[in-house]
Structure formats: C-alpha cells, structure tokens
C-alpha atoms as a PDB file:
ATOM      1  CA  MET A   1      28.954  39.030 163.784  1.00  0.00           C
ATOM      2  CA  SER A   2      27.995  37.104 160.672  1.00  0.00           C
ATOM      3  CA  VAL A   3      27.532  39.545 157.818  1.00  0.00           C
ATOM      4  CA  ARG A   4      28.383  37.200 154.949  1.00  0.00           C
ATOM      5  CA  GLY A   5      32.171  37.213 154.887  1.00  0.00           C
ATOM      6  CA  LEU A   6      32.647  39.965 157.463  1.00  0.00           C
ATOM      7  CA  GLY A   7      32.116  38.013 160.654  1.00  0.00           C
ATOM      8  CA  PRO A   8      34.891  36.996 163.038  1.00  0.00           C
ATOM      9  CA  ASP A   9      34.317  33.313 162.261  1.00  0.00           C
ATOM     10  CA  ALA A  10      34.129  33.778 158.523  1.00  0.00           C
ATOM     11  CA  GLY A  11      36.933  33.818 156.001  1.00  0.00           C
ATOM     12  CA  PRO A  12      38.055  37.043 154.374  1.00  0.00           C
ATOM     13  CA  LYS A  13      35.661  36.550 151.486  1.00  0.00           C
ATOM     14  CA  ALA A  14      32.374  34.709 151.406  1.00  0.00           C
ATOM     15  CA  GLY A  15      32.060  34.795 147.633  1.00  0.00           C
ATOM     16  CA  PRO A  16      29.088  35.266 145.279  1.00  0.00           C
ATOM     17  CA  ASP A  17      27.459  31.933 146.180  1.00  0.00           C
ATOM     18  CA  ALA A  18      27.094  32.821 149.885  1.00  0.00           C
ATOM     19  CA  LYS A  19      23.573  34.147 149.493  1.00  0.00           C
ATOM     20  CA  ALA A  20      21.315  34.927 152.417  1.00  0.00           C
ATOM     21  CA  GLY A  21      18.354  36.362 150.532  1.00  0.00           C
ATOM     22  CA  GLY A  22      17.854  39.784 149.055  1.00  0.00           C
ATOM     23  CA  ASP A  23      15.751  39.223 145.926  1.00  0.00           C
ATOM     24  CA  ILE A  24      13.627  42.319 145.257  1.00  0.00           C
ATOM     25  CA  SER A  25      10.596  42.323 142.976  1.00  0.00           C
ATOM     26  CA  ILE A  26       9.154  45.761 142.151  1.00  0.00           C
ATOM     27  CA  ARG A  27       5.858  45.202 140.361  1.00  0.00           C
ATOM     28  CA  GLU A  28       3.930  47.966 138.593  1.00  0.00           C
ATOM     29  CA  VAL A  29       4.629  50.382 141.448  1.00  0.00           C
ATOM     30  CA  THR A  30       2.969  53.801 141.478  1.00  0.00           C
ATOM     31  CA  LYS A  31       3.543  56.499 144.099  1.00  0.00           C
ATOM     32  CA  ILE A  32       1.312  59.594 144.153  1.00  0.00           C
ATOM     33  CA  TYR A  33       1.755  62.376 146.687  1.00  0.00           C
ATOM     34  CA  ASP A  34      -1.403  64.147 147.859  1.00  0.00           C
ATOM     35  CA  PRO A  35      -3.720  62.158 145.566  1.00  0.00           C
ATOM     36  CA  ASP A  36      -6.740  64.225 146.599  1.00  0.00           C
ATOM     37  CA  GLY A  37      -4.945  67.572 146.243  1.00  0.00           C
ATOM     38  CA  ILE A  38      -2.123  68.607 143.947  1.00  0.00           C
ATOM     39  CA  HIS A  39      -1.715  64.969 142.814  1.00  0.00           C
ATOM     40  CA  VAL A  40       2.043  64.660 142.180  1.00  0.00           C
ATOM     41  CA  VAL A  41       2.836  61.378 140.432  1.00  0.00           C
ATOM     42  CA  ALA A  42       6.416  60.560 141.514  1.00  0.00           C
ATOM     43  CA  VAL A  43       6.601  56.942 140.299  1.00  0.00           C
ATOM     44  CA  GLU A  44       4.317  55.323 137.739  1.00  0.00           C
ATOM     45  CA  ARG A  45       4.022  51.642 136.840  1.00  0.00           C
ATOM     46  CA  CYS A  46       7.657  50.982 137.681  1.00  0.00           C
ATOM     47  CA  SER A  47       8.770  47.349 137.469  1.00  0.00           C
ATOM     48  CA  LEU A  48      12.225  45.949 138.269  1.00  0.00           C
ATOM     49  CA  GLU A  49      13.572  42.567 139.278  1.00  0.00           C
ATOM     50  CA  ILE A  50      16.748  42.709 141.382  1.00  0.00           C
ATOM     51  CA  ALA A  51      18.527  39.442 142.097  1.00  0.00           C
ATOM     52  CA  ALA A  52      19.992  38.609 145.499  1.00  0.00           C
ATOM     53  CA  GLY A  53      23.596  39.746 145.561  1.00  0.00           C
ATOM     54  CA  GLU A  54      23.164  42.169 142.648  1.00  0.00           C
ATOM     55  CA  PHE A  55      24.572  45.703 142.653  1.00  0.00           C
ATOM     56  CA  LEU A  56      21.879  47.786 140.938  1.00  0.00           C
ATOM     57  CA  VAL A  57      22.518  51.478 140.296  1.00  0.00           C
ATOM     58  CA  VAL A  58      19.743  53.950 139.461  1.00  0.00           C
ATOM     59  CA  VAL A  59      20.341  57.262 137.688  1.00  0.00           C
ATOM     60  CA  GLY A  60      17.972  59.913 136.402  1.00  0.00           C
ATOM     61  CA  PRO A  61      17.137  63.636 136.482  1.00  0.00           C
ATOM     62  CA  SER A  62      16.829  65.369 139.839  1.00  0.00           C
ATOM     63  CA  GLY A  63      13.280  65.158 141.124  1.00  0.00           C
ATOM     64  CA  CYS A  64      12.379  62.255 138.837  1.00  0.00           C
ATOM     65  CA  GLY A  65      11.223  60.018 141.694  1.00  0.00           C
ATOM     66  CA  LYS A  66      14.304  57.850 142.386  1.00  0.00           C
ATOM     67  CA  THR A  67      14.385  58.669 146.094  1.00  0.00           C
ATOM     68  CA  SER A  68      10.617  58.181 146.365  1.00  0.00           C
ATOM     69  CA  LEU A  69      11.116  54.636 145.087  1.00  0.00           C
ATOM     70  CA  LEU A  70      13.938  54.067 147.586  1.00  0.00           C
ATOM     71  CA  ASN A  71      11.790  55.401 150.433  1.00  0.00           C
ATOM     72  CA  VAL A  72       9.018  52.955 149.578  1.00  0.00           C
ATOM     73  CA  LEU A  73      11.572  50.130 149.436  1.00  0.00           C
ATOM     74  CA  ALA A  74      12.928  51.190 152.831  1.00  0.00           C
ATOM     75  CA  GLY A  75       9.483  51.207 154.386  1.00  0.00           C
ATOM     76  CA  PHE A  76       9.487  54.956 155.013  1.00  0.00           C
ATOM     77  CA  GLU A  77       6.532  55.704 152.728  1.00  0.00           C
ATOM     78  CA  ASP A  78       3.475  53.839 151.470  1.00  0.00           C
ATOM     79  CA  LEU A  79       2.710  53.248 147.809  1.00  0.00           C
ATOM     80  CA  THR A  80      -0.387  53.997 145.790  1.00  0.00           C
ATOM     81  CA  ASP A  81      -0.504  50.968 143.520  1.00  0.00           C
ATOM     82  CA  GLY A  82       1.483  47.837 142.740  1.00  0.00           C
ATOM     83  CA  GLU A  83       3.589  45.872 145.209  1.00  0.00           C
ATOM     84  CA  ILE A  84       7.162  45.206 146.301  1.00  0.00           C
ATOM     85  CA  LEU A  85       8.360  41.788 147.442  1.00  0.00           C
ATOM     86  CA  LEU A  86      11.532  40.869 149.318  1.00  0.00           C
ATOM     87  CA  ASP A  87      12.443  37.202 148.929  1.00  0.00           C
ATOM     88  CA  GLY A  88       8.879  36.521 147.826  1.00  0.00           C
ATOM     89  CA  LYS A  89       7.198  38.228 150.779  1.00  0.00           C
ATOM     90  CA  PRO A  90       5.304  41.536 150.370  1.00  0.00           C
ATOM     91  CA  ILE A  91       6.928  44.525 152.060  1.00  0.00           C
ATOM     92  CA  ALA A  92       4.869  47.271 150.370  1.00  0.00           C
ATOM     93  CA  ALA A  93       1.362  47.330 148.928  1.00  0.00           C
ATOM     94  CA  PRO A  94      -1.602  49.738 148.900  1.00  0.00           C
ATOM     95  CA  GLY A  95      -3.114  50.001 152.355  1.00  0.00           C
ATOM     96  CA  ARG A  96      -0.258  48.095 153.968  1.00  0.00           C
ATOM     97  CA  PRO A  97       1.289  49.933 156.950  1.00  0.00           C
ATOM     98  CA  VAL A  98       4.774  51.302 156.270  1.00  0.00           C
ATOM     99  CA  GLU A  99       7.253  48.971 157.891  1.00  0.00           C
ATOM    100  CA  PRO A 100      10.980  49.777 158.011  1.00  0.00           C
ATOM    101  CA  GLY A 101      13.119  46.798 158.922  1.00  0.00           C
ATOM    102  CA  SER A 102      16.688  45.858 159.730  1.00  0.00           C
ATOM    103  CA  ASP A 103      16.660  43.662 156.600  1.00  0.00           C
ATOM    104  CA  ARG A 104      16.718  46.903 154.529  1.00  0.00           C
ATOM    105  CA  ILE A 105      19.225  49.479 155.774  1.00  0.00           C
ATOM    106  CA  VAL A 106      19.559  52.979 154.270  1.00  0.00           C
ATOM    107  CA  VAL A 107      22.788  54.961 153.924  1.00  0.00           C
ATOM    108  CA  PHE A 108      21.683  58.557 153.399  1.00  0.00           C
ATOM    109  CA  GLN A 109      23.144  61.352 151.276  1.00  0.00           C
ATOM    110  CA  ASN A 110      23.778  63.539 154.297  1.00  0.00           C
ATOM    111  CA  GLY A 111      25.845  62.245 157.180  1.00  0.00           C
ATOM    112  CA  ALA A 112      23.729  60.543 159.833  1.00  0.00           C
ATOM    113  CA  LEU A 113      26.273  59.800 162.557  1.00  0.00           C
ATOM    114  CA  PHE A 114      25.390  61.063 166.017  1.00  0.00           C
ATOM    115  CA  PRO A 115      27.990  63.776 166.769  1.00  0.00           C
ATOM    116  CA  TRP A 116      27.765  63.205 170.530  1.00  0.00           C
ATOM    117  CA  LYS A 117      28.556  59.480 170.240  1.00  0.00           C
ATOM    118  CA  THR A 118      31.907  57.830 169.592  1.00  0.00           C
ATOM    119  CA  VAL A 119      32.552  55.679 166.525  1.00  0.00           C
ATOM    120  CA  LEU A 120      31.964  52.521 168.571  1.00  0.00           C
ATOM    121  CA  GLU A 121      28.745  53.891 170.072  1.00  0.00           C
ATOM    122  CA  ASN A 122      27.479  54.915 166.628  1.00  0.00           C
ATOM    123  CA  ILE A 123      28.125  51.487 165.110  1.00  0.00           C
ATOM    124  CA  VAL A 124      26.415  49.523 167.892  1.00  0.00           C
ATOM    125  CA  TYR A 125      23.425  51.873 168.080  1.00  0.00           C
ATOM    126  CA  GLY A 126      21.172  49.821 165.773  1.00  0.00           C
ATOM    127  CA  PRO A 127      21.613  46.409 167.444  1.00  0.00           C
ATOM    128  CA  MET A 128      21.222  47.971 170.885  1.00  0.00           C
ATOM    129  CA  VAL A 129      18.028  49.886 170.020  1.00  0.00           C
ATOM    130  CA  GLN A 130      16.554  46.731 168.496  1.00  0.00           C
ATOM    131  CA  ARG A 131      17.805  44.712 171.482  1.00  0.00           C
ATOM    132  CA  ARG A 132      19.138  42.114 169.096  1.00  0.00           C
ATOM    133  CA  ARG A 133      22.497  41.774 170.813  1.00  0.00           C
ATOM    134  CA  GLU A 134      24.043  42.061 174.263  1.00  0.00           C
ATOM    135  CA  LEU A 135      26.208  45.199 174.576  1.00  0.00           C
ATOM    136  CA  GLY A 136      29.506  43.384 175.000  1.00  0.00           C
ATOM    137  CA  ARG A 137      28.887  41.217 171.925  1.00  0.00           C
ATOM    138  CA  ALA A 138      27.765  44.215 169.871  1.00  0.00           C
ATOM    139  CA  ARG A 139      30.912  46.141 170.780  1.00  0.00           C
ATOM    140  CA  GLN A 140      33.134  43.197 169.879  1.00  0.00           C
ATOM    141  CA  ALA A 141      31.346  42.813 166.553  1.00  0.00           C
ATOM    142  CA  ALA A 142      31.904  46.536 165.866  1.00  0.00           C
ATOM    143  CA  ARG A 143      35.623  46.238 166.696  1.00  0.00           C
ATOM    144  CA  ASN A 144      35.885  43.236 164.382  1.00  0.00           C
ATOM    145  CA  LEU A 145      34.287  45.196 161.554  1.00  0.00           C
ATOM    146  CA  LEU A 146      36.588  48.177 162.073  1.00  0.00           C
ATOM    147  CA  ALA A 147      39.647  45.919 162.115  1.00  0.00           C
ATOM    148  CA  GLN A 148      38.610  44.058 158.966  1.00  0.00           C
ATOM    149  CA  VAL A 149      38.446  47.327 156.978  1.00  0.00           C
ATOM    150  CA  GLY A 150      41.607  48.852 158.455  1.00  0.00           C
ATOM    151  CA  LEU A 151      39.927  51.320 160.813  1.00  0.00           C
ATOM    152  CA  GLU A 152      41.023  49.858 164.121  1.00  0.00           C
ATOM    153  CA  GLY A 153      42.087  52.435 166.687  1.00  0.00           C
ATOM    154  CA  ILE A 154      39.336  54.994 165.993  1.00  0.00           C
ATOM    155  CA  GLU A 155      36.706  53.413 168.256  1.00  0.00           C
ATOM    156  CA  GLY A 156      36.837  56.266 170.778  1.00  0.00           C
ATOM    157  CA  SER A 157      36.893  59.091 168.223  1.00  0.00           C
ATOM    158  CA  TYR A 158      33.929  61.399 167.613  1.00  0.00           C
ATOM    159  CA  PRO A 159      32.622  62.116 164.077  1.00  0.00           C
ATOM    160  CA  ALA A 160      33.976  65.693 164.092  1.00  0.00           C
ATOM    161  CA  GLU A 161      37.474  64.271 164.543  1.00  0.00           C
ATOM    162  CA  LEU A 162      37.230  62.168 161.379  1.00  0.00           C
ATOM    163  CA  SER A 163      37.590  63.030 157.701  1.00  0.00           C
ATOM    164  CA  SER A 164      34.430  62.959 155.591  1.00  0.00           C
ATOM    165  CA  GLY A 165      35.595  59.758 153.897  1.00  0.00           C
ATOM    166  CA  VAL A 166      36.150  57.944 157.196  1.00  0.00           C
ATOM    167  CA  GLN A 167      32.750  59.151 158.425  1.00  0.00           C
ATOM    168  CA  ARG A 168      31.148  57.602 155.359  1.00  0.00           C
ATOM    169  CA  ARG A 169      32.943  54.303 155.992  1.00  0.00           C
ATOM    170  CA  VAL A 170      31.746  54.268 159.595  1.00  0.00           C
ATOM    171  CA  GLU A 171      28.167  54.867 158.410  1.00  0.00           C
ATOM    172  CA  ILE A 172      28.391  51.891 156.063  1.00  0.00           C
ATOM    173  CA  LEU A 173      29.755  49.720 158.868  1.00  0.00           C
ATOM    174  CA  ARG A 174      26.906  50.918 161.081  1.00  0.00           C
ATOM    175  CA  ALA A 175      24.549  49.613 158.394  1.00  0.00           C
ATOM    176  CA  LEU A 176      26.386  46.301 158.007  1.00  0.00           C
ATOM    177  CA  ILE A 177      26.352  45.432 161.700  1.00  0.00           C
ATOM    178  CA  ASN A 178      22.552  45.084 161.449  1.00  0.00           C
ATOM    179  CA  GLU A 179      23.085  42.119 159.089  1.00  0.00           C
ATOM    180  CA  PRO A 180      20.722  43.392 156.367  1.00  0.00           C
ATOM    181  CA  ARG A 181      19.720  41.533 153.242  1.00  0.00           C
ATOM    182  CA  VAL A 182      19.587  44.781 151.246  1.00  0.00           C
ATOM    183  CA  MET A 183      21.499  48.058 151.430  1.00  0.00           C
ATOM    184  CA  LEU A 184      19.787  51.160 150.048  1.00  0.00           C
ATOM    185  CA  LEU A 185      22.249  53.954 149.302  1.00  0.00           C
ATOM    186  CA  ASP A 186      20.933  57.404 148.343  1.00  0.00           C
ATOM    187  CA  GLU A 187      23.823  59.317 146.732  1.00  0.00           C
ATOM    188  CA  PRO A 188      26.077  58.493 149.697  1.00  0.00           C
ATOM    189  CA  PHE A 189      29.242  60.002 148.181  1.00  0.00           C
ATOM    190  CA  ARG A 190      27.790  63.151 146.605  1.00  0.00           C
ATOM    191  CA  GLY A 191      29.440  65.592 149.033  1.00  0.00           C
ATOM    192  CA  LEU A 192      32.933  64.086 148.805  1.00  0.00           C
ATOM    193  CA  ASP A 193      35.823  65.474 146.794  1.00  0.00           C
ATOM    194  CA  ALA A 194      37.213  63.442 143.885  1.00  0.00           C
ATOM    195  CA  VAL A 195      40.000  61.801 145.883  1.00  0.00           C
ATOM    196  CA  ALA A 196      37.747  60.815 148.811  1.00  0.00           C
ATOM    197  CA  LYS A 197      35.102  59.565 146.387  1.00  0.00           C
ATOM    198  CA  SER A 198      37.650  57.354 144.615  1.00  0.00           C
ATOM    199  CA  VAL A 199      38.687  55.822 147.952  1.00  0.00           C
ATOM    200  CA  MET A 200      35.047  55.231 148.898  1.00  0.00           C
ATOM    201  CA  HIS A 201      34.313  53.547 145.575  1.00  0.00           C
ATOM    202  CA  GLN A 202      37.069  51.015 146.158  1.00  0.00           C
ATOM    203  CA  PHE A 203      36.002  50.563 149.789  1.00  0.00           C
ATOM    204  CA  LEU A 204      32.418  49.804 148.749  1.00  0.00           C
ATOM    205  CA  LEU A 205      33.509  47.463 145.958  1.00  0.00           C
ATOM    206  CA  ASP A 206      35.728  45.528 148.364  1.00  0.00           C
ATOM    207  CA  LEU A 207      32.837  45.205 150.834  1.00  0.00           C
ATOM    208  CA  PHE A 208      30.542  44.064 148.053  1.00  0.00           C
ATOM    209  CA  GLU A 209      33.000  41.361 147.007  1.00  0.00           C
ATOM    210  CA  ARG A 210      33.106  40.101 150.597  1.00  0.00           C
ATOM    211  CA  THR A 211      29.410  40.301 151.463  1.00  0.00           C
ATOM    212  CA  ARG A 212      27.494  40.135 148.174  1.00  0.00           C
ATOM    213  CA  LEU A 213      24.616  41.995 149.770  1.00  0.00           C
ATOM    214  CA  THR A 214      21.948  43.259 147.397  1.00  0.00           C
ATOM    215  CA  MET A 215      22.728  46.920 146.693  1.00  0.00           C
ATOM    216  CA  PHE A 216      20.232  49.554 145.490  1.00  0.00           C
ATOM    217  CA  PHE A 217      22.356  52.630 144.821  1.00  0.00           C
ATOM    218  CA  ILE A 218      21.143  56.052 143.611  1.00  0.00           C
ATOM    219  CA  THR A 219      23.534  58.501 141.965  1.00  0.00           C
ATOM    220  CA  HIS A 220      23.809  61.295 139.391  1.00  0.00           C
ATOM    221  CA  ASP A 221      27.404  60.345 138.555  1.00  0.00           C
ATOM    222  CA  LEU A 222      27.542  58.121 135.465  1.00  0.00           C
ATOM    223  CA  ASP A 223      31.175  57.129 136.037  1.00  0.00           C
ATOM    224  CA  GLU A 224      30.248  56.068 139.562  1.00  0.00           C
ATOM    225  CA  ALA A 225      27.182  54.174 138.336  1.00  0.00           C
ATOM    226  CA  ILE A 226      29.036  52.110 135.755  1.00  0.00           C
ATOM    227  CA  PHE A 227      32.129  51.545 137.902  1.00  0.00           C
ATOM    228  CA  LEU A 228      30.089  50.147 140.796  1.00  0.00           C
ATOM    229  CA  GLY A 229      27.093  48.465 139.233  1.00  0.00           C
ATOM    230  CA  ASP A 230      26.173  45.098 137.758  1.00  0.00           C
ATOM    231  CA  ARG A 231      23.333  46.928 136.015  1.00  0.00           C
ATOM    232  CA  VAL A 232      22.579  50.613 135.553  1.00  0.00           C
ATOM    233  CA  VAL A 233      18.940  51.682 135.257  1.00  0.00           C
ATOM    234  CA  VAL A 234      18.308  55.081 133.674  1.00  0.00           C
ATOM    235  CA  MET A 235      14.979  56.453 134.892  1.00  0.00           C
ATOM    236  CA  THR A 236      12.627  58.747 133.037  1.00  0.00           C
ATOM    237  CA  THR A 237      11.843  62.220 134.254  1.00  0.00           C
ATOM    238  CA  ARG A 238       8.906  62.317 136.656  1.00  0.00           C
ATOM    239  CA  PRO A 239       6.965  60.106 136.891  1.00  0.00           C
ATOM    240  CA  CYS A 240       9.814  57.677 137.393  1.00  0.00           C
ATOM    241  CA  CYS A 241      10.024  54.389 135.524  1.00  0.00           C
ATOM    242  CA  PRO A 242      12.885  52.570 133.752  1.00  0.00           C
ATOM    243  CA  LYS A 243      13.887  54.068 130.414  1.00  0.00           C
ATOM    244  CA  LEU A 244      17.067  52.074 129.743  1.00  0.00           C
ATOM    245  CA  VAL A 245      18.718  49.143 131.521  1.00  0.00           C
ATOM    246  CA  LEU A 246      22.421  48.626 130.875  1.00  0.00           C
ATOM    247  CA  GLN A 247      24.185  45.373 131.722  1.00  0.00           C
ATOM    248  CA  VAL A 248      27.678  46.328 132.927  1.00  0.00           C
ATOM    249  CA  ASN A 249      29.868  43.683 131.315  1.00  0.00           C
ATOM    250  CA  LEU A 250      33.010  44.612 133.238  1.00  0.00           C
ATOM    251  CA  PRO A 251      34.639  41.767 135.195  1.00  0.00           C
ATOM    252  CA  ARG A 252      34.832  41.769 139.000  1.00  0.00           C
ATOM    253  CA  PRO A 253      36.723  42.451 141.154  1.00  0.00           C
ATOM    254  CA  ARG A 254      37.220  45.955 139.754  1.00  0.00           C
ATOM    255  CA  ASP A 255      39.683  48.732 140.385  1.00  0.00           C
ATOM    256  CA  HIS A 256      40.359  52.171 138.844  1.00  0.00           C
ATOM    257  CA  ARG A 257      41.727  50.607 135.646  1.00  0.00           C
ATOM    258  CA  ALA A 258      38.157  49.713 134.632  1.00  0.00           C
ATOM    259  CA  LEU A 259      37.517  53.427 134.045  1.00  0.00           C
ATOM    260  CA  GLY A 260      39.694  53.330 130.917  1.00  0.00           C
ATOM    261  CA  ASP A 261      38.217  50.124 129.503  1.00  0.00           C
ATOM    262  CA  THR A 262      36.643  50.452 126.048  1.00  0.00           C
ATOM    263  CA  ARG A 263      33.492  48.748 127.331  1.00  0.00           C
ATOM    264  CA  PHE A 264      33.253  51.309 130.134  1.00  0.00           C
ATOM    265  CA  LEU A 265      33.356  54.182 127.645  1.00  0.00           C
ATOM    266  CA  GLU A 266      30.724  52.547 125.437  1.00  0.00           C
ATOM    267  CA  LEU A 267      28.390  52.086 128.400  1.00  0.00           C
ATOM    268  CA  LYS A 268      28.899  55.670 129.497  1.00  0.00           C
ATOM    269  CA  ARG A 269      28.071  56.939 126.025  1.00  0.00           C
ATOM    270  CA  ALA A 270      24.793  54.988 125.969  1.00  0.00           C
ATOM    271  CA  ALA A 271      23.869  56.108 129.503  1.00  0.00           C
ATOM    272  CA  LEU A 272      24.746  59.732 128.787  1.00  0.00           C
ATOM    273  CA  GLU A 273      22.507  59.852 125.731  1.00  0.00           C
ATOM    274  CA  ALA A 274      19.534  58.468 127.676  1.00  0.00           C
ATOM    275  CA  VAL A 275      20.117  60.689 130.722  1.00  0.00           C
ATOM    276  CA  HIS A 276      20.572  63.802 128.595  1.00  0.00           C
ATOM    277  CA  GLU A 277      17.296  63.184 126.807  1.00  0.00           C
ATOM    278  CA  GLU A 278      15.427  62.868 130.105  1.00  0.00           C
ATOM    279  CA  ALA A 279      17.229  65.885 131.611  1.00  0.00           C
ATOM    280  CA  LEU A 280      16.035  68.020 128.703  1.00  0.00           C
ATOM    281  CA  LYS A 281      12.472  66.842 129.268  1.00  0.00           C
ATOM    282  CA  ALA A 282      12.782  67.721 132.949  1.00  0.00           C
ATOM    283  CA  PHE A 283      14.186  71.147 132.143  1.00  0.00           C
ATOM    284  CA  ARG A 284      11.406  71.895 129.687  1.00  0.00           C
ATOM    285  CA  ALA A 285       8.899  70.811 132.330  1.00  0.00           C
ATOM    286  CA  GLY A 286      10.351  73.379 134.712  1.00  0.00           C
ATOM    287  CA  GLU A 287      12.283  70.957 136.927  1.00  0.00           C
ATOM    288  CA  ARG A 288      15.989  71.251 137.789  1.00  0.00           C
ATOM    289  CA  GLU A 289      18.467  69.902 135.271  1.00  0.00           C
ATOM    290  CA  LEU A 290      20.655  66.921 136.116  1.00  0.00           C
ATOM    291  CA  ALA A 291      23.116  68.008 138.814  1.00  0.00           C
END
C-alpha cells in the first residue's frame, strides 16, 4: 500500500510536498440535461483551477448543479461544452465517452458499503474488481489502513454491526486503498449527528494531513466547509458557476479550536451572505431553499 503517507513502508506523515498529481482544471464547463427537450442547464461556463493537494469545498443552494459538476468530474456523466483536465490530460469534453477511473474516487452521501460483505471484504473490493492487486496483498494493505486509523479488530464485522461514523470511516478507507489522485466527496457526513460529524471532521483532516490528496468536497454546512477547506467556493443557483471564492486563512493542522477563531467567524459571515442571496434566488425560482 502506498497512498502517500498511509502505506506500510511510509512514515506516519508524508507532508504537503509529497505530491503524486491531482491538479484539476475545469474550463468553461457547461452541462445541459435533455438539450433537445426540456433543456435544463445545470452548470454554465464554470471555471475552476484546483491545485494538487488542495482541499476545495463547494457550497450552494440545493439543486444548483454542484453534484452535476462532481458527476462529470467523476466520469459518471458527459458534459455539453468546455473541458476538464486532470494533471494536464483531458478527462471530460464534448463527445468524449464518460470514463470513471480509480484516479478519481467518489464517497457518496448515502452509505455504499455492501451489507453482505465484511469490513475487510468491502475495503479490498475495488482493487480486486480492477485486478490491480493479489488478494493476499490487498487484504494486508486493508489491515494496515485499519490499524493506522485505529480501527484494527473490526475486519470481520459487517456494516450493520458498526456505528454510522465507523461506517463512514470504512468507506473513506475503501476509497483510499485504490490510491486515487483525487477524492470526490458528495455531502458524506450529512446524515450524521453532531457528535459523529465532529469526529469525522477530525478523522478526515488527519487523513488529509497524511496524504495531501486533492479533495473536492460538497456540503451545505458552512461551518464544515470553512473548517475543512483550503478554499470555499460558493456557487450560484442553477445554472451553477462560482459566485464567491474564499481563501481559508486558518493554519493547518486544525482542530475544533479553529471554530472559535475570529478569522473563522469572518469567513462564515462572508459565505453566509453569499449563500443566502443565492438561496433566495432559488426559492423565488421555485427550487428548494438551502437545507
């Protein structure tokens, strides 16, 4: 296992200079559903540059097109115009076949663990399906990951036997074992209670410090966005494009004390004003308000 800083031969922390790619260039991207019918413009002329090893968080009204953008990034959907590059190579363009890849792994909002498989079987599923690793090596890599995040001893448990927070951690480890360059997270902690969410925030921050994978994280929670992110992008109501980009000038590593920092409160105030303005537009347009 060699996920920057999480492999058995690596030290406990690889550090921010241990890059292995992950630059994303989103250039004038437009996504239209049913262009010859109802013509729903989900994303319009959206441009973003995301540096390798950056934690980018996207917020915006429900239905604004955030998840559509993530799905194009993931290779689940095509795009109508523009292009997306990963480390300088096109991964999405008009007419290009959709192409999911292990270099871009998605952690979904709803739990995606197989209930009939054990924790160990769930984690090794990706490498085994892709035939990238012999079973014995994949299992050892999974055990190493579990041990490095304090979850040793649960290898034989089934998802129903685990708390929601532990299930989420296992899902993130299942993504990491594929050695991606980018992690795409679509509101992964939305269903958790406040205590479990706080634990997951620290868990994800610790992993980020060790791996410095590029993170593209969608949320409705402004506290979560600012606490986790290097930058927070507030999107417009549909069609989606950046309205405001906030540089989060809070030092890393972070813990819960950052939530009371004066800079944190100033950033939240600026984000809240922008989000509220877009939520009102969405409401007046007949869409759901910000959840």
